[in-house]
Every structure is written in structure tokens, then in C-alpha cells.
Amino acid sequence: MSFQKRLLSGEFVVLAEMNTPKGVDTSQLIQNARRIKGRVDAVIVPDMDDGVMRMSALAGAVLMHQQGMEALIHVYCRDRNRMALQSDLLAAYALGVQNLVVVSGEDVCNGDHREARAVDDLDELGLLHAVRSLEAGTDLGGSDLTGAPSFLVGCAIAQCRDEKSLDNELEVAAKKVEAGAKFLLTPPVFDLSRFESFLGKARSLKVPIISTVYLLKSVGAARYIATNEPEAGISEDLIRRIRKASDREMECVRIAAETLVALRQLSQGVRIVTLGWEHRLPDVLEYAGL
């Protein structure tokens, strides 16, 4: 069953996020993908996340399809104007990529090409409207298409510092759902009680909610997030657990797996994010019983 059918029929889905290489050697990407084939429902391929230049997400998605795996790609407006975005969407559909996640791109000033200029010809809502227009057979210039695509489109919600910012974020998400988004990706979940509180509000959007499991890599990584992003909900107990473990790396894997298992009872799917540790995805899945 396809990812789209599983999601829209209410079944639990598992996604793994995998970055493309910074170069043309795709051997590691393909090797890591093969190790989780049949254990996840699809792979999410980011598009130059964190403002770091990499091989395009579209190329990564095609490589996943060549391995017999379904893929979703990030699409955003930072690097392309409306013409290039529509062109890439048509190309994606023609190449078999029919799952999109509309997200906001990180500021390029924090990336590895700080002299680059952001485009932002459209915003996220504008991009969602562009997708809907293409599906209706017309581009944003008003010209008819020769054959129209059909996509499953999702959106993401940002980490929120307080209830007010969460309410504002959910209002924006509601507009994205109205514009065509069919599912919602959450920020990384570390505090399950806080996540349940979030769900109490997010379910009003009446779309599948896919929660995010983030693989911490060390005590330092956990401490950095706890200090700089307190809204993420990393507790001192969690940091202490990693620090006291005889094998800290494996303890981080166990924590991710335990979070995944708990989220199966709360959300309709999970996205596993490892940020360069894709080789650890099989371990997370194994500990989670998947």
C-alpha cells in the first residue's frame, strides 16, 4: 500500500528523513536507504536544510524510487521564484514524486553560502496555492497545462515558546490546511505530556498528525537544545540519563526508540530525524520493534 493510501486510511506511518550528499557520491545515501527498506513507509528528503548546499531533494527522491522506496520532498520558496517552483513541481510529478512537504527554509545567513540571496517570491500559502493551481491544470500565469499533476501535500508546524505562539501557529496551519495541506509534521517531541497538550489543540485541524522523533547524539547535543530551545522540552532527567549511560550513543538510540513507541499511541505517524546519523536508523527501528 502506498504512503498516501496508508495515511489517508488512518493507518500508522513511519517516515525516515535522509539528507542528500554534498557532492555526487550517492553510495552512502543508497546504502543507508537499503538498510531500512521495507521497515519504513517512505523517506523524507530535505532540500538544502539549514542553508547548506547539497544535491537537490528531487534527485534524492528519484534515487529512493530507484531503490523501490517511496519518497517525500521538502519544497520551499527561499531559493526559487514562482516559475522555478512550478517547473520543479511538474518535473517531480513526471519523475514519479507525488508527495510534498511545504516548509519554510532556514535563513541562508546561517548556512555555508552566506553571500547567497534568498528569493522568497512566494510564501508558504502562496506555494500551496500554486500546487492547487497546477493540480487544476493552470499555472500561476494563467496558462493551461498539458496534463495536470496530483500531489499529496503536507505542512510543518514550528516549535512554539508558549501557548500564545502555539495558538498563532495553529491558526496559520489551519490556513495551510484550507489551502490544501493534508497532513501536519510536528517539531521534535521530547516531552510526551507537553505533546499531548499540543495534540488537544492540533486535532482541531482534522488532518493526520505525524510527530517527529529526533535522535540526540550526545550529552552536549541535548544540553545545547535544552539551553537554546527550552520550548523543545528536554528535561534534566533526560540529560542525566544520557550522561550516566555506559554507552551514551546507544542510550540516545534507546531514547529515540522509546519515544517512537510512545508516539504510536498518540499520533498517526512518526518522522525519524537523525541529522547525519542515518546509519543509526536501523537501530532505532530495531529497538522500537519495527
C-alpha atoms as a PDB file:
ATOM      1  CA  MET A   1       0.000   0.000   0.000  1.00  0.00           C
ATOM      2  CA  SER A   2       1.313   3.467  -0.869  1.00  0.00           C
ATOM      3  CA  PHE A   3       2.194   6.045   1.762  1.00  0.00           C
ATOM      4  CA  GLN A   4      -0.739   8.182   0.651  1.00  0.00           C
ATOM      5  CA  LYS A   5      -3.251   5.350   0.961  1.00  0.00           C
ATOM      6  CA  ARG A   6      -1.912   4.290   4.357  1.00  0.00           C
ATOM      7  CA  LEU A   7      -2.016   7.829   5.687  1.00  0.00           C
ATOM      8  CA  LEU A   8      -5.463   8.733   4.373  1.00  0.00           C
ATOM      9  CA  SER A   9      -6.943   5.408   5.503  1.00  0.00           C
ATOM     10  CA  GLY A  10      -5.907   6.154   9.080  1.00  0.00           C
ATOM     11  CA  GLU A  11      -3.046   3.657   9.382  1.00  0.00           C
ATOM     12  CA  PHE A  12       0.116   4.441  11.332  1.00  0.00           C
ATOM     13  CA  VAL A  13       3.019   5.510   9.106  1.00  0.00           C
ATOM     14  CA  VAL A  14       6.762   5.623   9.705  1.00  0.00           C
ATOM     15  CA  LEU A  15       8.953   8.089   7.824  1.00  0.00           C
ATOM     16  CA  ALA A  16      12.740   8.377   7.892  1.00  0.00           C
ATOM     17  CA  GLU A  17      14.436  11.641   6.986  1.00  0.00           C
ATOM     18  CA  MET A  18      17.590  11.286   4.873  1.00  0.00           C
ATOM     19  CA  ASN A  19      19.738  14.106   3.537  1.00  0.00           C
ATOM     20  CA  THR A  20      21.313  14.070   0.100  1.00  0.00           C
ATOM     21  CA  PRO A  21      25.116  14.253  -0.137  1.00  0.00           C
ATOM     22  CA  LYS A  22      27.175  17.377  -0.568  1.00  0.00           C
ATOM     23  CA  GLY A  23      28.616  16.069  -3.821  1.00  0.00           C
ATOM     24  CA  VAL A  24      27.777  13.375  -6.349  1.00  0.00           C
ATOM     25  CA  ASP A  25      28.778  10.253  -4.423  1.00  0.00           C
ATOM     26  CA  THR A  26      25.401   8.759  -3.510  1.00  0.00           C
ATOM     27  CA  SER A  27      26.722   5.411  -2.289  1.00  0.00           C
ATOM     28  CA  GLN A  28      26.193   6.126   1.408  1.00  0.00           C
ATOM     29  CA  LEU A  29      22.693   7.502   0.840  1.00  0.00           C
ATOM     30  CA  ILE A  30      21.720   4.406  -1.123  1.00  0.00           C
ATOM     31  CA  GLN A  31      23.353   2.041   1.371  1.00  0.00           C
ATOM     32  CA  ASN A  32      21.516   3.647   4.288  1.00  0.00           C
ATOM     33  CA  ALA A  33      18.243   3.542   2.373  1.00  0.00           C
ATOM     34  CA  ARG A  34      18.618  -0.147   1.575  1.00  0.00           C
ATOM     35  CA  ARG A  35      19.119  -0.919   5.266  1.00  0.00           C
ATOM     36  CA  ILE A  36      15.658   0.401   6.126  1.00  0.00           C
ATOM     37  CA  LYS A  37      13.786  -0.697   3.003  1.00  0.00           C
ATOM     38  CA  GLY A  38      10.568  -2.452   3.981  1.00  0.00           C
ATOM     39  CA  ARG A  39      10.778  -1.072   7.536  1.00  0.00           C
ATOM     40  CA  VAL A  40       9.547   2.459   6.818  1.00  0.00           C
ATOM     41  CA  ASP A  41       6.671   3.631   4.674  1.00  0.00           C
ATOM     42  CA  ALA A  42       8.574   6.425   2.949  1.00  0.00           C
ATOM     43  CA  VAL A  43      11.675   8.607   3.098  1.00  0.00           C
ATOM     44  CA  ILE A  44      11.561  12.378   3.521  1.00  0.00           C
ATOM     45  CA  VAL A  45      14.302  14.124   1.560  1.00  0.00           C
ATOM     46  CA  PRO A  46      15.059  17.686   2.759  1.00  0.00           C
ATOM     47  CA  ASP A  47      16.150  20.314   0.256  1.00  0.00           C
ATOM     48  CA  MET A  48      19.312  22.075   1.420  1.00  0.00           C
ATOM     49  CA  ASP A  49      18.099  22.307   5.009  1.00  0.00           C
ATOM     50  CA  ASP A  50      19.994  24.597   7.388  1.00  0.00           C
ATOM     51  CA  GLY A  51      21.066  26.643   4.373  1.00  0.00           C
ATOM     52  CA  VAL A  52      23.715  24.081   3.406  1.00  0.00           C
ATOM     53  CA  MET A  53      24.190  23.455  -0.313  1.00  0.00           C
ATOM     54  CA  ARG A  54      23.576  19.821  -1.225  1.00  0.00           C
ATOM     55  CA  MET A  55      22.306  17.708  -4.079  1.00  0.00           C
ATOM     56  CA  SER A  56      18.664  18.574  -4.761  1.00  0.00           C
ATOM     57  CA  ALA A  57      15.856  16.855  -2.905  1.00  0.00           C
ATOM     58  CA  LEU A  58      14.286  15.876  -6.214  1.00  0.00           C
ATOM     59  CA  ALA A  59      17.397  13.912  -7.191  1.00  0.00           C
ATOM     60  CA  GLY A  60      17.395  12.235  -3.780  1.00  0.00           C
ATOM     61  CA  ALA A  61      13.745  11.256  -4.158  1.00  0.00           C
ATOM     62  CA  VAL A  62      14.374   9.743  -7.582  1.00  0.00           C
ATOM     63  CA  LEU A  63      17.261   7.738  -6.112  1.00  0.00           C
ATOM     64  CA  MET A  64      14.899   6.455  -3.414  1.00  0.00           C
ATOM     65  CA  HIS A  65      12.400   5.407  -6.079  1.00  0.00           C
ATOM     66  CA  GLN A  66      15.151   3.557  -7.905  1.00  0.00           C
ATOM     67  CA  GLN A  67      15.630   1.556  -4.705  1.00  0.00           C
ATOM     68  CA  GLY A  68      11.918   0.735  -4.627  1.00  0.00           C
ATOM     69  CA  MET A  69      11.155   3.193  -1.822  1.00  0.00           C
ATOM     70  CA  GLU A  70       8.565   5.953  -1.764  1.00  0.00           C
ATOM     71  CA  ALA A  71       9.743   9.497  -1.071  1.00  0.00           C
ATOM     72  CA  LEU A  72       8.510  12.896   0.051  1.00  0.00           C
ATOM     73  CA  ILE A  73      10.451  16.056  -0.730  1.00  0.00           C
ATOM     74  CA  HIS A  74      10.677  19.377   1.053  1.00  0.00           C
ATOM     75  CA  VAL A  75       9.552  22.322  -1.053  1.00  0.00           C
ATOM     76  CA  TYR A  76      10.003  25.954  -0.061  1.00  0.00           C
ATOM     77  CA  CYS A  77      10.416  29.401  -1.505  1.00  0.00           C
ATOM     78  CA  ARG A  78      13.809  30.537  -0.239  1.00  0.00           C
ATOM     79  CA  ASP A  79      15.836  29.510  -3.292  1.00  0.00           C
ATOM     80  CA  ARG A  80      13.400  29.669  -6.218  1.00  0.00           C
ATOM     81  CA  ASN A  81      10.930  32.075  -7.761  1.00  0.00           C
ATOM     82  CA  ARG A  82       7.414  31.045  -8.735  1.00  0.00           C
ATOM     83  CA  MET A  83       8.451  29.971 -12.222  1.00  0.00           C
ATOM     84  CA  ALA A  84      11.224  27.669 -10.971  1.00  0.00           C
ATOM     85  CA  LEU A  85       8.993  26.258  -8.216  1.00  0.00           C
ATOM     86  CA  GLN A  86       6.243  25.337 -10.672  1.00  0.00           C
ATOM     87  CA  SER A  87       8.787  23.896 -13.095  1.00  0.00           C
ATOM     88  CA  ASP A  88      10.297  21.721 -10.361  1.00  0.00           C
ATOM     89  CA  LEU A  89       6.870  20.541  -9.225  1.00  0.00           C
ATOM     90  CA  LEU A  90       5.973  19.451 -12.749  1.00  0.00           C
ATOM     91  CA  ALA A  91       9.346  17.707 -13.052  1.00  0.00           C
ATOM     92  CA  ALA A  92       8.820  15.957  -9.719  1.00  0.00           C
ATOM     93  CA  TYR A  93       5.457  14.588 -10.792  1.00  0.00           C
ATOM     94  CA  ALA A  94       6.814  13.460 -14.154  1.00  0.00           C
ATOM     95  CA  LEU A  95       9.591  11.592 -12.318  1.00  0.00           C
ATOM     96  CA  GLY A  96       7.139   9.845 -10.009  1.00  0.00           C
ATOM     97  CA  VAL A  97       7.470  12.084  -6.938  1.00  0.00           C
ATOM     98  CA  GLN A  98       3.952  12.870  -5.767  1.00  0.00           C
ATOM     99  CA  ASN A  99       4.430  13.613  -2.041  1.00  0.00           C
ATOM    100  CA  LEU A 100       5.429  17.107  -0.914  1.00  0.00           C
ATOM    101  CA  VAL A 101       6.084  18.844   2.385  1.00  0.00           C
ATOM    102  CA  VAL A 102       5.796  22.617   2.182  1.00  0.00           C
ATOM    103  CA  VAL A 103       8.133  24.103   4.782  1.00  0.00           C
ATOM    104  CA  SER A 104       9.928  27.369   5.474  1.00  0.00           C
ATOM    105  CA  GLY A 105      13.613  27.375   4.595  1.00  0.00           C
ATOM    106  CA  GLU A 106      16.215  28.405   7.141  1.00  0.00           C
ATOM    107  CA  ASP A 107      17.884  31.772   6.665  1.00  0.00           C
ATOM    108  CA  VAL A 108      20.855  31.466   4.293  1.00  0.00           C
ATOM    109  CA  CYS A 109      22.927  33.705   6.558  1.00  0.00           C
ATOM    110  CA  ASN A 110      23.287  30.705   8.877  1.00  0.00           C
ATOM    111  CA  GLY A 111      24.341  28.326   6.108  1.00  0.00           C
ATOM    112  CA  ASP A 112      27.512  27.693   4.132  1.00  0.00           C
ATOM    113  CA  HIS A 113      26.820  30.212   1.341  1.00  0.00           C
ATOM    114  CA  ARG A 114      26.266  33.380   3.309  1.00  0.00           C
ATOM    115  CA  GLU A 115      26.676  35.518   0.215  1.00  0.00           C
ATOM    116  CA  ALA A 116      23.605  33.860  -1.323  1.00  0.00           C
ATOM    117  CA  ARG A 117      20.397  35.845  -1.610  1.00  0.00           C
ATOM    118  CA  ALA A 118      17.044  34.483  -0.598  1.00  0.00           C
ATOM    119  CA  VAL A 119      14.306  34.675  -3.235  1.00  0.00           C
ATOM    120  CA  ASP A 120      11.031  34.226  -1.326  1.00  0.00           C
ATOM    121  CA  ASP A 121       8.919  35.185  -4.335  1.00  0.00           C
ATOM    122  CA  LEU A 122       6.045  33.283  -2.715  1.00  0.00           C
ATOM    123  CA  ASP A 123       5.316  32.429   0.895  1.00  0.00           C
ATOM    124  CA  GLU A 124       4.127  29.014   2.109  1.00  0.00           C
ATOM    125  CA  LEU A 125       0.483  29.802   1.497  1.00  0.00           C
ATOM    126  CA  GLY A 126       1.361  31.124  -1.944  1.00  0.00           C
ATOM    127  CA  LEU A 127       3.210  27.910  -2.715  1.00  0.00           C
ATOM    128  CA  LEU A 128       0.257  25.806  -1.575  1.00  0.00           C
ATOM    129  CA  HIS A 129      -1.992  27.830  -3.859  1.00  0.00           C
ATOM    130  CA  ALA A 130       0.496  27.252  -6.697  1.00  0.00           C
ATOM    131  CA  VAL A 131       0.281  23.498  -6.128  1.00  0.00           C
ATOM    132  CA  ARG A 132      -3.507  23.648  -6.162  1.00  0.00           C
ATOM    133  CA  SER A 133      -3.452  25.714  -9.366  1.00  0.00           C
ATOM    134  CA  LEU A 134      -1.203  23.198 -11.109  1.00  0.00           C
ATOM    135  CA  GLU A 135      -3.486  20.376  -9.996  1.00  0.00           C
ATOM    136  CA  ALA A 136      -6.376  22.280 -11.559  1.00  0.00           C
ATOM    137  CA  GLY A 137      -4.448  22.404 -14.829  1.00  0.00           C
ATOM    138  CA  THR A 138      -3.353  26.057 -14.809  1.00  0.00           C
ATOM    139  CA  ASP A 139      -0.072  27.733 -13.913  1.00  0.00           C
ATOM    140  CA  LEU A 140       0.199  30.949 -11.915  1.00  0.00           C
ATOM    141  CA  GLY A 141       0.475  32.902 -15.145  1.00  0.00           C
ATOM    142  CA  GLY A 142      -2.966  31.713 -16.173  1.00  0.00           C
ATOM    143  CA  SER A 143      -1.807  29.347 -18.914  1.00  0.00           C
ATOM    144  CA  ASP A 144      -3.314  25.902 -19.312  1.00  0.00           C
ATOM    145  CA  LEU A 145      -1.106  22.864 -18.722  1.00  0.00           C
ATOM    146  CA  THR A 146      -0.740  19.859 -20.977  1.00  0.00           C
ATOM    147  CA  GLY A 147      -1.605  17.313 -18.332  1.00  0.00           C
ATOM    148  CA  ALA A 148      -2.038  18.199 -14.661  1.00  0.00           C
ATOM    149  CA  PRO A 149      -0.209  16.705 -11.652  1.00  0.00           C
ATOM    150  CA  SER A 150      -1.750  15.402  -8.444  1.00  0.00           C
ATOM    151  CA  PHE A 151       0.123  15.646  -5.151  1.00  0.00           C
ATOM    152  CA  LEU A 152      -0.255  14.697  -1.502  1.00  0.00           C
ATOM    153  CA  VAL A 153       0.908  17.818   0.308  1.00  0.00           C
ATOM    154  CA  GLY A 154       1.752  18.285   3.958  1.00  0.00           C
ATOM    155  CA  CYS A 155       2.997  21.192   6.037  1.00  0.00           C
ATOM    156  CA  ALA A 156       5.035  21.634   9.185  1.00  0.00           C
ATOM    157  CA  ILE A 157       4.461  23.470  12.420  1.00  0.00           C
ATOM    158  CA  ALA A 158       7.281  25.355  14.118  1.00  0.00           C
ATOM    159  CA  GLN A 159       8.453  24.942  17.709  1.00  0.00           C
ATOM    160  CA  CYS A 160       6.487  27.316  19.945  1.00  0.00           C
ATOM    161  CA  ARG A 161       7.700  29.026  23.110  1.00  0.00           C
ATOM    162  CA  ASP A 162       4.316  29.475  24.771  1.00  0.00           C
ATOM    163  CA  GLU A 163       0.592  28.894  24.407  1.00  0.00           C
ATOM    164  CA  LYS A 164       0.041  32.177  22.598  1.00  0.00           C
ATOM    165  CA  SER A 165       2.643  31.418  19.928  1.00  0.00           C
ATOM    166  CA  LEU A 166       1.212  27.897  19.586  1.00  0.00           C
ATOM    167  CA  ASP A 167      -2.273  29.305  19.038  1.00  0.00           C
ATOM    168  CA  ASN A 168      -0.877  31.639  16.382  1.00  0.00           C
ATOM    169  CA  GLU A 169       0.995  28.780  14.719  1.00  0.00           C
ATOM    170  CA  LEU A 170      -2.134  26.631  14.662  1.00  0.00           C
ATOM    171  CA  GLU A 171      -4.096  29.485  13.087  1.00  0.00           C
ATOM    172  CA  VAL A 172      -1.517  29.614  10.299  1.00  0.00           C
ATOM    173  CA  ALA A 173      -1.601  25.819   9.991  1.00  0.00           C
ATOM    174  CA  ALA A 174      -5.397  25.973   9.618  1.00  0.00           C
ATOM    175  CA  LYS A 175      -4.940  28.307   6.660  1.00  0.00           C
ATOM    176  CA  LYS A 176      -2.450  25.863   5.142  1.00  0.00           C
ATOM    177  CA  VAL A 177      -4.933  23.025   5.558  1.00  0.00           C
ATOM    178  CA  GLU A 178      -7.575  25.155   3.880  1.00  0.00           C
ATOM    179  CA  ALA A 179      -5.081  25.791   1.060  1.00  0.00           C
ATOM    180  CA  GLY A 180      -4.581  22.059   0.504  1.00  0.00           C
ATOM    181  CA  ALA A 181      -2.253  20.589   3.143  1.00  0.00           C
ATOM    182  CA  LYS A 182      -3.391  17.045   4.007  1.00  0.00           C
ATOM    183  CA  PHE A 183      -1.137  16.264   6.973  1.00  0.00           C
ATOM    184  CA  LEU A 184       0.912  18.028   9.618  1.00  0.00           C
ATOM    185  CA  LEU A 185       4.503  17.403  10.738  1.00  0.00           C
ATOM    186  CA  THR A 186       5.351  18.383  14.307  1.00  0.00           C
ATOM    187  CA  PRO A 187       8.623  19.617  15.818  1.00  0.00           C
ATOM    188  CA  PRO A 188      10.758  17.033  17.672  1.00  0.00           C
ATOM    189  CA  VAL A 189       8.981  15.514  20.674  1.00  0.00           C
ATOM    190  CA  PHE A 190      10.885  15.078  23.952  1.00  0.00           C
ATOM    191  CA  ASP A 191       8.154  15.784  26.490  1.00  0.00           C
ATOM    192  CA  LEU A 192       5.166  13.473  25.980  1.00  0.00           C
ATOM    193  CA  SER A 193       2.839  15.311  28.363  1.00  0.00           C
ATOM    194  CA  ARG A 194       3.517  18.572  26.557  1.00  0.00           C
ATOM    195  CA  PHE A 195       2.922  16.819  23.263  1.00  0.00           C
ATOM    196  CA  GLU A 196      -0.430  15.500  24.447  1.00  0.00           C
ATOM    197  CA  SER A 197      -1.405  19.053  25.328  1.00  0.00           C
ATOM    198  CA  PHE A 198      -0.386  20.150  21.840  1.00  0.00           C
ATOM    199  CA  LEU A 199      -2.467  17.346  20.310  1.00  0.00           C
ATOM    200  CA  GLY A 200      -5.505  18.540  22.200  1.00  0.00           C
ATOM    201  CA  LYS A 201      -5.397  21.706  20.117  1.00  0.00           C
ATOM    202  CA  ALA A 202      -3.889  20.398  16.874  1.00  0.00           C
ATOM    203  CA  ARG A 203      -6.572  17.752  16.361  1.00  0.00           C
ATOM    204  CA  SER A 204      -8.987  20.581  15.582  1.00  0.00           C
ATOM    205  CA  LEU A 205      -7.246  20.824  12.202  1.00  0.00           C
ATOM    206  CA  LYS A 206      -8.742  17.417  11.333  1.00  0.00           C
ATOM    207  CA  VAL A 207      -5.730  16.168   9.380  1.00  0.00           C
ATOM    208  CA  PRO A 208      -3.296  13.344  10.235  1.00  0.00           C
ATOM    209  CA  ILE A 209      -0.564  14.453  12.618  1.00  0.00           C
ATOM    210  CA  ILE A 210       2.898  12.967  12.127  1.00  0.00           C
ATOM    211  CA  SER A 211       5.134  13.521  15.142  1.00  0.00           C
ATOM    212  CA  THR A 212       8.904  13.864  14.989  1.00  0.00           C
ATOM    213  CA  VAL A 213      11.412  11.640  16.784  1.00  0.00           C
ATOM    214  CA  TYR A 214      14.807  13.308  16.985  1.00  0.00           C
ATOM    215  CA  LEU A 215      17.912  11.223  17.617  1.00  0.00           C
ATOM    216  CA  LEU A 216      20.100  13.050  20.111  1.00  0.00           C
ATOM    217  CA  LYS A 217      23.779  12.292  19.537  1.00  0.00           C
ATOM    218  CA  SER A 218      25.379  13.191  22.861  1.00  0.00           C
ATOM    219  CA  VAL A 219      25.002  14.900  26.216  1.00  0.00           C
ATOM    220  CA  GLY A 220      26.343  18.043  24.576  1.00  0.00           C
ATOM    221  CA  ALA A 221      23.680  17.996  21.885  1.00  0.00           C
ATOM    222  CA  ALA A 222      20.931  17.507  24.469  1.00  0.00           C
ATOM    223  CA  ARG A 223      22.322  20.276  26.652  1.00  0.00           C
ATOM    224  CA  TYR A 224      22.622  22.659  23.695  1.00  0.00           C
ATOM    225  CA  ILE A 225      18.973  22.169  22.718  1.00  0.00           C
ATOM    226  CA  ALA A 226      17.789  22.415  26.327  1.00  0.00           C
ATOM    227  CA  THR A 227      19.672  25.700  26.757  1.00  0.00           C
ATOM    228  CA  ASN A 228      18.917  27.350  23.412  1.00  0.00           C
ATOM    229  CA  GLU A 229      15.478  25.878  22.710  1.00  0.00           C
ATOM    230  CA  PRO A 230      13.832  25.354  26.108  1.00  0.00           C
ATOM    231  CA  GLU A 231      10.476  25.051  24.361  1.00  0.00           C
ATOM    232  CA  ALA A 232      11.678  21.690  22.962  1.00  0.00           C
ATOM    233  CA  GLY A 233      11.105  20.173  26.405  1.00  0.00           C
ATOM    234  CA  ILE A 234      14.384  18.341  27.044  1.00  0.00           C
ATOM    235  CA  SER A 235      14.484  17.679  30.784  1.00  0.00           C
ATOM    236  CA  GLU A 236      17.402  17.443  33.184  1.00  0.00           C
ATOM    237  CA  ASP A 237      16.382  13.843  33.837  1.00  0.00           C
ATOM    238  CA  LEU A 238      16.832  13.026  30.155  1.00  0.00           C
ATOM    239  CA  ILE A 239      20.244  14.685  30.048  1.00  0.00           C
ATOM    240  CA  ARG A 240      21.247  12.870  33.244  1.00  0.00           C
ATOM    241  CA  ARG A 241      20.158   9.544  31.772  1.00  0.00           C
ATOM    242  CA  ILE A 242      22.428  10.004  28.753  1.00  0.00           C
ATOM    243  CA  ARG A 243      25.353  11.186  30.889  1.00  0.00           C
ATOM    244  CA  LYS A 244      25.174   8.188  33.242  1.00  0.00           C
ATOM    245  CA  ALA A 245      24.891   5.579  30.476  1.00  0.00           C
ATOM    246  CA  SER A 246      27.866   3.273  29.888  1.00  0.00           C
ATOM    247  CA  ASP A 247      27.251   3.604  26.132  1.00  0.00           C
ATOM    248  CA  ARG A 248      25.883   7.101  25.605  1.00  0.00           C
ATOM    249  CA  GLU A 249      25.419   6.754  21.869  1.00  0.00           C
ATOM    250  CA  MET A 250      23.330   3.621  22.262  1.00  0.00           C
ATOM    251  CA  GLU A 251      21.362   5.243  25.075  1.00  0.00           C
ATOM    252  CA  CYS A 252      20.388   8.027  22.667  1.00  0.00           C
ATOM    253  CA  VAL A 253      19.187   5.357  20.237  1.00  0.00           C
ATOM    254  CA  ARG A 254      17.110   3.739  23.002  1.00  0.00           C
ATOM    255  CA  ILE A 255      15.567   7.082  23.958  1.00  0.00           C
ATOM    256  CA  ALA A 256      14.555   7.725  20.346  1.00  0.00           C
ATOM    257  CA  ALA A 257      13.059   4.231  20.075  1.00  0.00           C
ATOM    258  CA  GLU A 258      11.134   4.590  23.327  1.00  0.00           C
ATOM    259  CA  THR A 259       9.754   7.930  22.146  1.00  0.00           C
ATOM    260  CA  LEU A 260       8.692   6.320  18.870  1.00  0.00           C
ATOM    261  CA  VAL A 261       6.845   3.540  20.692  1.00  0.00           C
ATOM    262  CA  ALA A 262       5.044   6.027  22.936  1.00  0.00           C
ATOM    263  CA  LEU A 263       4.038   8.200  19.987  1.00  0.00           C
ATOM    264  CA  ARG A 264       2.391   5.238  18.261  1.00  0.00           C
ATOM    265  CA  GLN A 265      -0.378   5.597  20.835  1.00  0.00           C
ATOM    266  CA  LEU A 266      -0.766   9.336  20.276  1.00  0.00           C
ATOM    267  CA  SER A 267      -0.223  10.337  16.646  1.00  0.00           C
ATOM    268  CA  GLN A 268      -0.879   8.797  13.257  1.00  0.00           C
ATOM    269  CA  GLY A 269       2.756   8.561  12.302  1.00  0.00           C
ATOM    270  CA  VAL A 270       6.339   9.410  13.129  1.00  0.00           C
ATOM    271  CA  ARG A 271       9.200  11.029  11.280  1.00  0.00           C
ATOM    272  CA  ILE A 272      12.635   9.918  12.469  1.00  0.00           C
ATOM    273  CA  VAL A 273      15.291  12.633  12.151  1.00  0.00           C
ATOM    274  CA  THR A 274      18.944  11.707  12.675  1.00  0.00           C
ATOM    275  CA  LEU A 275      20.801  14.627  11.041  1.00  0.00           C
ATOM    276  CA  GLY A 276      23.725  12.721   9.538  1.00  0.00           C
ATOM    277  CA  TRP A 277      23.338   9.560  11.607  1.00  0.00           C
ATOM    278  CA  GLU A 278      21.206   7.745   9.054  1.00  0.00           C
ATOM    279  CA  HIS A 279      23.321   4.650   9.717  1.00  0.00           C
ATOM    280  CA  ARG A 280      21.610   4.518  13.128  1.00  0.00           C
ATOM    281  CA  LEU A 281      18.092   4.349  11.684  1.00  0.00           C
ATOM    282  CA  PRO A 282      18.031   0.511  11.679  1.00  0.00           C
ATOM    283  CA  ASP A 283      18.970   0.501  15.378  1.00  0.00           C
ATOM    284  CA  VAL A 284      16.155   2.899  16.268  1.00  0.00           C
ATOM    285  CA  LEU A 285      13.680   0.780  14.315  1.00  0.00           C
ATOM    286  CA  GLU A 286      15.001  -2.430  15.892  1.00  0.00           C
ATOM    287  CA  TYR A 287      14.651  -1.130  19.455  1.00  0.00           C
ATOM    288  CA  ALA A 288      11.165   0.127  18.601  1.00  0.00           C
ATOM    289  CA  GLY A 289      10.152  -3.284  17.319  1.00  0.00           C
ATOM    290  CA  LEU A 290       9.722  -2.164  13.714  1.00  0.00           C
END
